[in-house]
Amino acid sequence: MSLVLVLGTRPQVIKSVPIIQQMLRQRLDVKVIHTGQHYDYKLSKIFLKRRIYRSPMPI
């Protein structure tokens, strides 16, 4: 099963972290699409560094 999460604002990204982590623990194929509405370079780097999401797909 493949799941796609569409996130736009910084609060959505922060709130989605536990959900994404649980889905990854369950070995689900999760794609994160970040619309960049409240894009923050440092926040994105932290999430990528900690592997909270693998590689965001900006649109």
Protein backbone atom coordinates (compact mmCIF):
# COMPACT_ATOMS: atom_id res chain seq x y z
CA MET A 1 0.00 0.00 0.00
CA SER A 2 1.26 3.47 -0.83
CA LEU A 3 0.15 6.54 1.11
CA VAL A 4 0.55 10.18 0.18
CA LEU A 5 0.46 12.97 2.76
CA VAL A 6 0.05 16.54 1.52
CA LEU A 7 1.36 19.10 4.00
CA GLY A 8 1.38 22.85 3.55
CA THR A 9 1.85 24.76 6.74
CA ARG A 10 4.52 24.43 9.40
CA PRO A 11 1.98 23.33 12.06
CA GLN A 12 0.76 20.55 9.74
CA VAL A 13 4.32 19.33 9.27
CA ILE A 14 5.01 19.33 13.02
CA LYS A 15 1.71 17.60 13.88
CA SER A 16 2.26 14.93 11.24
CA VAL A 17 5.62 13.74 12.61
CA PRO A 18 4.27 11.03 14.98
CA ILE A 19 1.91 9.77 12.28
CA ILE A 20 4.68 9.56 9.68
CA GLN A 21 7.03 7.85 12.13
CA GLN A 22 4.40 5.23 12.98
CA MET A 23 3.68 4.57 9.31
CA LEU A 24 7.40 4.12 8.65
CA ARG A 25 7.66 1.70 11.58
CA GLN A 26 4.85 -0.28 9.97
CA ARG A 27 6.94 -0.29 6.78
CA LEU A 28 4.26 1.48 4.78
CA ASP A 29 5.26 3.25 1.59
CA VAL A 30 4.74 6.90 2.58
CA LYS A 31 5.25 9.85 0.26
CA VAL A 32 5.25 13.36 1.72
CA ILE A 33 4.31 16.24 -0.52
CA HIS A 34 5.16 19.62 0.98
CA THR A 35 3.45 22.56 -0.71
CA GLY A 36 5.92 24.99 0.82
CA GLN A 37 3.29 27.42 2.09
CA HIS A 38 5.27 28.08 5.28
CA TYR A 39 8.58 26.68 4.08
CA ASP A 40 11.43 26.80 6.56
CA TYR A 41 14.84 25.59 5.37
CA LYS A 42 16.07 24.75 8.89
CA LEU A 43 12.91 22.83 9.80
CA SER A 44 13.11 20.78 6.61
CA LYS A 45 16.79 20.00 7.23
CA ILE A 46 15.98 18.75 10.75
CA PHE A 47 13.25 16.44 9.47
CA LEU A 48 15.46 15.05 6.72
CA LYS A 49 18.43 14.62 9.07
CA ARG A 50 16.33 12.71 11.60
CA ARG A 51 14.65 10.78 8.78
CA ILE A 52 11.21 11.83 9.90
CA TYR A 53 10.42 11.85 6.24
CA ARG A 54 12.67 10.55 3.54
CA SER A 55 12.65 13.02 0.70
CA PRO A 56 9.89 15.59 0.48
CA MET A 57 8.45 16.31 -2.93
CA PRO A 58 7.84 20.07 -3.14
CA ILE A 59 5.18 21.30 -5.54
